[in-house]
Amino acid sequence: MHLVPQWRALIRRAWSIRLILIAGLLSGCEAGLSLASPDLLGIPRGLFAGLSALVTAAAFAARLIAQRME
């Protein structure tokens, strides 16, 4: 397995990477919410999981779209 030639620029500028990071944060929020009382925060169960699924789908689409690395 080899890294792509401009992997540093890819990490900083690619929307797919940004969206994957956001999905990870949302998944972490969902995990943290499961430890807290949902009634205390007023956030419906599954909200962050649903948002994470949407952002992951957007990251998949962004990965297929050509992006400039300027």
PDB file of N, CA and C in Angstrom:
ATOM      1  N   MET A   1       0.845  -1.168   0.000  1.00  0.00           N
ATOM      2  CA  MET A   1       0.000   0.000   0.000  1.00  0.00           C
ATOM      3  C   MET A   1       0.895   1.237   0.000  1.00  0.00           C
ATOM      4  N   HIS A   2       0.550   2.207  -0.835  1.00  0.00           N
ATOM      5  CA  HIS A   2       1.338   3.426  -0.957  1.00  0.00           C
ATOM      6  C   HIS A   2       0.433   4.646  -0.787  1.00  0.00           C
ATOM      7  N   LEU A   3       0.991   5.711  -0.235  1.00  0.00           N
ATOM      8  CA  LEU A   3       0.252   6.967  -0.115  1.00  0.00           C
ATOM      9  C   LEU A   3       0.181   7.656  -1.472  1.00  0.00           C
ATOM     10  N   VAL A   4      -0.869   8.446  -1.664  1.00  0.00           N
ATOM     11  CA  VAL A   4      -0.949   9.226  -2.897  1.00  0.00           C
ATOM     12  C   VAL A   4       0.160  10.271  -2.877  1.00  0.00           C
ATOM     13  N   PRO A   5       0.609  10.732  -4.060  1.00  0.00           N
ATOM     14  CA  PRO A   5       1.771  11.626  -4.120  1.00  0.00           C
ATOM     15  C   PRO A   5       1.637  12.900  -3.272  1.00  0.00           C
ATOM     16  N   GLN A   6       0.501  13.531  -3.261  1.00  0.00           N
ATOM     17  CA  GLN A   6       0.349  14.806  -2.527  1.00  0.00           C
ATOM     18  C   GLN A   6      -0.564  14.613  -1.322  1.00  0.00           C
ATOM     19  N   TRP A   7      -0.274  13.646  -0.477  1.00  0.00           N
ATOM     20  CA  TRP A   7      -1.172  13.314   0.613  1.00  0.00           C
ATOM     21  C   TRP A   7      -1.302  14.424   1.648  1.00  0.00           C
ATOM     22  N   ARG A   8      -0.267  15.206   1.854  1.00  0.00           N
ATOM     23  CA  ARG A   8      -0.370  16.313   2.824  1.00  0.00           C
ATOM     24  C   ARG A   8      -1.361  17.361   2.357  1.00  0.00           C
ATOM     25  N   ALA A   9      -1.313  17.707   1.097  1.00  0.00           N
ATOM     26  CA  ALA A   9      -2.268  18.670   0.534  1.00  0.00           C
ATOM     27  C   ALA A   9      -3.672  18.077   0.549  1.00  0.00           C
ATOM     28  N   LEU A  10      -3.772  16.792   0.299  1.00  0.00           N
ATOM     29  CA  LEU A  10      -5.069  16.126   0.307  1.00  0.00           C
ATOM     30  C   LEU A  10      -5.725  16.213   1.681  1.00  0.00           C
ATOM     31  N   ILE A  11      -4.956  15.961   2.719  1.00  0.00           N
ATOM     32  CA  ILE A  11      -5.497  16.017   4.079  1.00  0.00           C
ATOM     33  C   ILE A  11      -6.001  17.417   4.416  1.00  0.00           C
ATOM     34  N   ARG A  12      -5.286  18.429   3.981  1.00  0.00           N
ATOM     35  CA  ARG A  12      -5.670  19.807   4.325  1.00  0.00           C
ATOM     36  C   ARG A  12      -6.828  20.334   3.499  1.00  0.00           C
ATOM     37  N   ARG A  13      -6.980  19.876   2.270  1.00  0.00           N
ATOM     38  CA  ARG A  13      -7.913  20.544   1.368  1.00  0.00           C
ATOM     39  C   ARG A  13      -9.083  19.723   0.874  1.00  0.00           C
ATOM     40  N   ALA A  14      -9.051  18.415   0.979  1.00  0.00           N
ATOM     41  CA  ALA A  14     -10.101  17.578   0.406  1.00  0.00           C
ATOM     42  C   ALA A  14     -11.357  17.606   1.271  1.00  0.00           C
ATOM     43  N   TRP A  15     -12.488  17.851   0.637  1.00  0.00           N
ATOM     44  CA  TRP A  15     -13.765  17.875   1.343  1.00  0.00           C
ATOM     45  C   TRP A  15     -14.120  16.505   1.902  1.00  0.00           C
ATOM     46  N   SER A  16     -13.728  15.451   1.224  1.00  0.00           N
ATOM     47  CA  SER A  16     -14.039  14.112   1.727  1.00  0.00           C
ATOM     48  C   SER A  16     -13.394  13.889   3.095  1.00  0.00           C
ATOM     49  N   ILE A  17     -12.164  14.352   3.260  1.00  0.00           N
ATOM     50  CA  ILE A  17     -11.478  14.209   4.549  1.00  0.00           C
ATOM     51  C   ILE A  17     -12.178  15.049   5.619  1.00  0.00           C
ATOM     52  N   ARG A  18     -12.531  16.259   5.293  1.00  0.00           N
ATOM     53  CA  ARG A  18     -13.240  17.129   6.251  1.00  0.00           C
ATOM     54  C   ARG A  18     -14.557  16.509   6.692  1.00  0.00           C
ATOM     55  N   LEU A  19     -15.302  15.982   5.727  1.00  0.00           N
ATOM     56  CA  LEU A  19     -16.591  15.385   6.047  1.00  0.00           C
ATOM     57  C   LEU A  19     -16.441  14.112   6.880  1.00  0.00           C
ATOM     58  N   ILE A  20     -15.411  13.339   6.611  1.00  0.00           N
ATOM     59  CA  ILE A  20     -15.159  12.145   7.411  1.00  0.00           C
ATOM     60  C   ILE A  20     -14.837  12.533   8.855  1.00  0.00           C
ATOM     61  N   LEU A  21     -14.075  13.595   9.052  1.00  0.00           N
ATOM     62  CA  LEU A  21     -13.777  14.074  10.405  1.00  0.00           C
ATOM     63  C   LEU A  21     -15.042  14.537  11.125  1.00  0.00           C
ATOM     64  N   ILE A  22     -15.915  15.244  10.413  1.00  0.00           N
ATOM     65  CA  ILE A  22     -17.186  15.690  11.008  1.00  0.00           C
ATOM     66  C   ILE A  22     -18.042  14.486  11.383  1.00  0.00           C
ATOM     67  N   ALA A  23     -18.091  13.482  10.513  1.00  0.00           N
ATOM     68  CA  ALA A  23     -18.857  12.268  10.811  1.00  0.00           C
ATOM     69  C   ALA A  23     -18.313  11.582  12.058  1.00  0.00           C
ATOM     70  N   GLY A  24     -16.997  11.571  12.208  1.00  0.00           N
ATOM     71  CA  GLY A  24     -16.398  10.994  13.407  1.00  0.00           C
ATOM     72  C   GLY A  24     -16.778  11.752  14.666  1.00  0.00           C
ATOM     73  N   LEU A  25     -16.787  13.068  14.579  1.00  0.00           N
ATOM     74  CA  LEU A  25     -17.206  13.881  15.732  1.00  0.00           C
ATOM     75  C   LEU A  25     -18.664  13.633  16.091  1.00  0.00           C
ATOM     76  N   LEU A  26     -19.520  13.544  15.078  1.00  0.00           N
ATOM     77  CA  LEU A  26     -20.936  13.273  15.328  1.00  0.00           C
ATOM     78  C   LEU A  26     -21.135  11.890  15.947  1.00  0.00           C
ATOM     79  N   SER A  27     -20.365  10.913  15.502  1.00  0.00           N
ATOM     80  CA  SER A  27     -20.439   9.578  16.093  1.00  0.00           C
ATOM     81  C   SER A  27     -20.003   9.607  17.554  1.00  0.00           C
ATOM     82  N   GLY A  28     -18.976  10.384  17.837  1.00  0.00           N
ATOM     83  CA  GLY A  28     -18.540  10.543  19.216  1.00  0.00           C
ATOM     84  C   GLY A  28     -19.597  11.211  20.076  1.00  0.00           C
ATOM     85  N   CYS A  29     -20.293  12.194  19.522  1.00  0.00           N
ATOM     86  CA  CYS A  29     -21.385  12.848  20.251  1.00  0.00           C
ATOM     87  C   CYS A  29     -22.499  11.856  20.543  1.00  0.00           C
ATOM     88  N   GLU A  30     -22.815  11.003  19.570  1.00  0.00           N
ATOM     89  CA  GLU A  30     -23.850   9.991  19.772  1.00  0.00           C
ATOM     90  C   GLU A  30     -23.448   9.022  20.878  1.00  0.00           C
ATOM     91  N   ALA A  31     -22.188   8.619  20.879  1.00  0.00           N
ATOM     92  CA  ALA A  31     -21.705   7.715  21.931  1.00  0.00           C
ATOM     93  C   ALA A  31     -21.759   8.400  23.295  1.00  0.00           C
ATOM     94  N   GLY A  32     -21.352   9.659  23.350  1.00  0.00           N
ATOM     95  CA  GLY A  32     -21.417  10.398  24.610  1.00  0.00           C
ATOM     96  C   GLY A  32     -22.838  10.613  25.081  1.00  0.00           C
ATOM     97  N   LEU A  33     -23.734  10.841  24.144  1.00  0.00           N
ATOM     98  CA  LEU A  33     -25.138  11.050  24.491  1.00  0.00           C
ATOM     99  C   LEU A  33     -25.751   9.784  25.077  1.00  0.00           C
ATOM    100  N   SER A  34     -25.288   8.632  24.615  1.00  0.00           N
ATOM    101  CA  SER A  34     -25.831   7.380  25.148  1.00  0.00           C
ATOM    102  C   SER A  34     -25.440   7.184  26.615  1.00  0.00           C
ATOM    103  N   LEU A  35     -24.364   7.835  27.036  1.00  0.00           N
ATOM    104  CA  LEU A  35     -23.944   7.743  28.437  1.00  0.00           C
ATOM    105  C   LEU A  35     -24.709   8.714  29.325  1.00  0.00           C
ATOM    106  N   ALA A  36     -25.185   9.804  28.759  1.00  0.00           N
ATOM    107  CA  ALA A  36     -25.926  10.805  29.529  1.00  0.00           C
ATOM    108  C   ALA A  36     -27.424  10.509  29.441  1.00  0.00           C
ATOM    109  N   SER A  37     -28.169  11.115  30.284  1.00  0.00           N
ATOM    110  CA  SER A  37     -29.620  10.975  30.239  1.00  0.00           C
ATOM    111  C   SER A  37     -30.156  11.819  29.086  1.00  0.00           C
ATOM    112  N   PRO A  38     -30.836  11.218  28.110  1.00  0.00           N
ATOM    113  CA  PRO A  38     -31.325  11.992  26.965  1.00  0.00           C
ATOM    114  C   PRO A  38     -32.356  13.048  27.357  1.00  0.00           C
ATOM    115  N   ASP A  39     -33.100  12.800  28.431  1.00  0.00           N
ATOM    116  CA  ASP A  39     -34.099  13.777  28.872  1.00  0.00           C
ATOM    117  C   ASP A  39     -33.439  15.027  29.429  1.00  0.00           C
ATOM    118  N   LEU A  40     -32.261  14.868  29.989  1.00  0.00           N
ATOM    119  CA  LEU A  40     -31.533  15.994  30.571  1.00  0.00           C
ATOM    120  C   LEU A  40     -31.137  17.012  29.503  1.00  0.00           C
ATOM    121  N   LEU A  41     -30.717  16.543  28.345  1.00  0.00           N
ATOM    122  CA  LEU A  41     -30.240  17.428  27.290  1.00  0.00           C
ATOM    123  C   LEU A  41     -31.327  17.814  26.298  1.00  0.00           C
ATOM    124  N   GLY A  42     -32.402  17.066  26.229  1.00  0.00           N
ATOM    125  CA  GLY A  42     -33.475  17.372  25.295  1.00  0.00           C
ATOM    126  C   GLY A  42     -33.140  17.072  23.843  1.00  0.00           C
ATOM    127  N   ILE A  43     -32.171  16.210  23.626  1.00  0.00           N
ATOM    128  CA  ILE A  43     -31.763  15.836  22.273  1.00  0.00           C
ATOM    129  C   ILE A  43     -32.314  14.442  21.982  1.00  0.00           C
ATOM    130  N   PRO A  44     -33.056  14.298  20.892  1.00  0.00           N
ATOM    131  CA  PRO A  44     -33.619  12.974  20.591  1.00  0.00           C
ATOM    132  C   PRO A  44     -32.538  11.933  20.300  1.00  0.00           C
ATOM    133  N   ARG A  45     -32.804  10.705  20.747  1.00  0.00           N
ATOM    134  CA  ARG A  45     -31.863   9.616  20.479  1.00  0.00           C
ATOM    135  C   ARG A  45     -31.767   9.383  18.976  1.00  0.00           C
ATOM    136  N   GLY A  46     -30.575   9.128  18.509  1.00  0.00           N
ATOM    137  CA  GLY A  46     -30.366   8.843  17.100  1.00  0.00           C
ATOM    138  C   GLY A  46     -30.121  10.067  16.240  1.00  0.00           C
ATOM    139  N   LEU A  47     -30.237  11.265  16.792  1.00  0.00           N
ATOM    140  CA  LEU A  47     -30.036  12.483  16.007  1.00  0.00           C
ATOM    141  C   LEU A  47     -28.619  12.551  15.458  1.00  0.00           C
ATOM    142  N   PHE A  48     -27.633  12.389  16.339  1.00  0.00           N
ATOM    143  CA  PHE A  48     -26.244  12.473  15.885  1.00  0.00           C
ATOM    144  C   PHE A  48     -25.885  11.304  14.976  1.00  0.00           C
ATOM    145  N   ALA A  49     -26.466  10.136  15.237  1.00  0.00           N
ATOM    146  CA  ALA A  49     -26.207   8.985  14.366  1.00  0.00           C
ATOM    147  C   ALA A  49     -26.765   9.246  12.968  1.00  0.00           C
ATOM    148  N   GLY A  50     -27.957   9.822  12.888  1.00  0.00           N
ATOM    149  CA  GLY A  50     -28.540  10.168  11.594  1.00  0.00           C
ATOM    150  C   GLY A  50     -27.727  11.220  10.861  1.00  0.00           C
ATOM    151  N   LEU A  51     -27.291  12.247  11.592  1.00  0.00           N
ATOM    152  CA  LEU A  51     -26.460  13.280  10.983  1.00  0.00           C
ATOM    153  C   LEU A  51     -25.132  12.697  10.511  1.00  0.00           C
ATOM    154  N   SER A  52     -24.576  11.797  11.307  1.00  0.00           N
ATOM    155  CA  SER A  52     -23.327  11.149  10.920  1.00  0.00           C
ATOM    156  C   SER A  52     -23.503  10.343   9.635  1.00  0.00           C
ATOM    157  N   ALA A  53     -24.621   9.656   9.496  1.00  0.00           N
ATOM    158  CA  ALA A  53     -24.894   8.883   8.277  1.00  0.00           C
ATOM    159  C   ALA A  53     -24.994   9.796   7.060  1.00  0.00           C
ATOM    160  N   LEU A  54     -25.651  10.945   7.221  1.00  0.00           N
ATOM    161  CA  LEU A  54     -25.770  11.894   6.115  1.00  0.00           C
ATOM    162  C   LEU A  54     -24.407  12.468   5.718  1.00  0.00           C
ATOM    163  N   VAL A  55     -23.610  12.821   6.706  1.00  0.00           N
ATOM    164  CA  VAL A  55     -22.287  13.389   6.424  1.00  0.00           C
ATOM    165  C   VAL A  55     -21.375  12.336   5.795  1.00  0.00           C
ATOM    166  N   THR A  56     -21.500  11.085   6.239  1.00  0.00           N
ATOM    167  CA  THR A  56     -20.711  10.013   5.638  1.00  0.00           C
ATOM    168  C   THR A  56     -21.094   9.815   4.178  1.00  0.00           C
ATOM    169  N   ALA A  57     -22.386   9.891   3.870  1.00  0.00           N
ATOM    170  CA  ALA A  57     -22.834   9.788   2.480  1.00  0.00           C
ATOM    171  C   ALA A  57     -22.280  10.951   1.649  1.00  0.00           C
ATOM    172  N   ALA A  58     -22.263  12.145   2.234  1.00  0.00           N
ATOM    173  CA  ALA A  58     -21.698  13.303   1.533  1.00  0.00           C
ATOM    174  C   ALA A  58     -20.194  13.124   1.308  1.00  0.00           C
ATOM    175  N   ALA A  59     -19.506  12.532   2.281  1.00  0.00           N
ATOM    176  CA  ALA A  59     -18.068  12.268   2.126  1.00  0.00           C
ATOM    177  C   ALA A  59     -17.824  11.263   1.008  1.00  0.00           C
ATOM    178  N   PHE A  60     -18.688  10.274   0.899  1.00  0.00           N
ATOM    179  CA  PHE A  60     -18.574   9.298  -0.188  1.00  0.00           C
ATOM    180  C   PHE A  60     -18.719   9.992  -1.531  1.00  0.00           C
ATOM    181  N   ALA A  61     -19.719  10.871  -1.644  1.00  0.00           N
ATOM    182  CA  ALA A  61     -19.921  11.609  -2.889  1.00  0.00           C
ATOM    183  C   ALA A  61     -18.739  12.532  -3.170  1.00  0.00           C
ATOM    184  N   ALA A  62     -18.242  13.206  -2.135  1.00  0.00           N
ATOM    185  CA  ALA A  62     -17.113  14.133  -2.315  1.00  0.00           C
ATOM    186  C   ALA A  62     -15.859  13.382  -2.751  1.00  0.00           C
ATOM    187  N   ARG A  63     -15.735  12.153  -2.331  1.00  0.00           N
ATOM    188  CA  ARG A  63     -14.558  11.360  -2.705  1.00  0.00           C
ATOM    189  C   ARG A  63     -14.565  11.040  -4.195  1.00  0.00           C
ATOM    190  N   LEU A  64     -15.745  10.969  -4.790  1.00  0.00           N
ATOM    191  CA  LEU A  64     -15.856  10.657  -6.205  1.00  0.00           C
ATOM    192  C   LEU A  64     -15.712  11.870  -7.107  1.00  0.00           C
ATOM    193  N   ILE A  65     -15.855  13.063  -6.542  1.00  0.00           N
ATOM    194  CA  ILE A  65     -15.785  14.305  -7.324  1.00  0.00           C
ATOM    195  C   ILE A  65     -14.342  14.797  -7.356  1.00  0.00           C
ATOM    196  N   ALA A  66     -13.877  15.166  -8.539  1.00  0.00           N
ATOM    197  CA  ALA A  66     -12.510  15.684  -8.668  1.00  0.00           C
ATOM    198  C   ALA A  66     -12.411  17.027  -7.954  1.00  0.00           C
ATOM    199  N   GLN A  67     -11.377  17.179  -7.151  1.00  0.00           N
ATOM    200  CA  GLN A  67     -11.161  18.412  -6.393  1.00  0.00           C
ATOM    201  C   GLN A  67      -9.785  18.964  -6.718  1.00  0.00           C
ATOM    202  N   ARG A  68      -9.719  20.290  -6.884  1.00  0.00           N
ATOM    203  CA  ARG A  68      -8.423  20.925  -7.152  1.00  0.00           C
ATOM    204  C   ARG A  68      -7.629  20.988  -5.873  1.00  0.00           C
ATOM    205  N   MET A  69      -6.321  20.814  -5.980  1.00  0.00           N
ATOM    206  CA  MET A  69      -5.440  20.821  -4.820  1.00  0.00           C
ATOM    207  C   MET A  69      -4.519  22.027  -4.831  1.00  0.00           C
ATOM    208  N   GLU A  70      -5.057  23.178  -5.105  1.00  0.00           N
ATOM    209  CA  GLU A  70      -4.237  24.405  -5.190  1.00  0.00           C
ATOM    210  C   GLU A  70      -3.945  24.970  -3.848  1.00  0.00           C
TER     211      GLU A  70
END
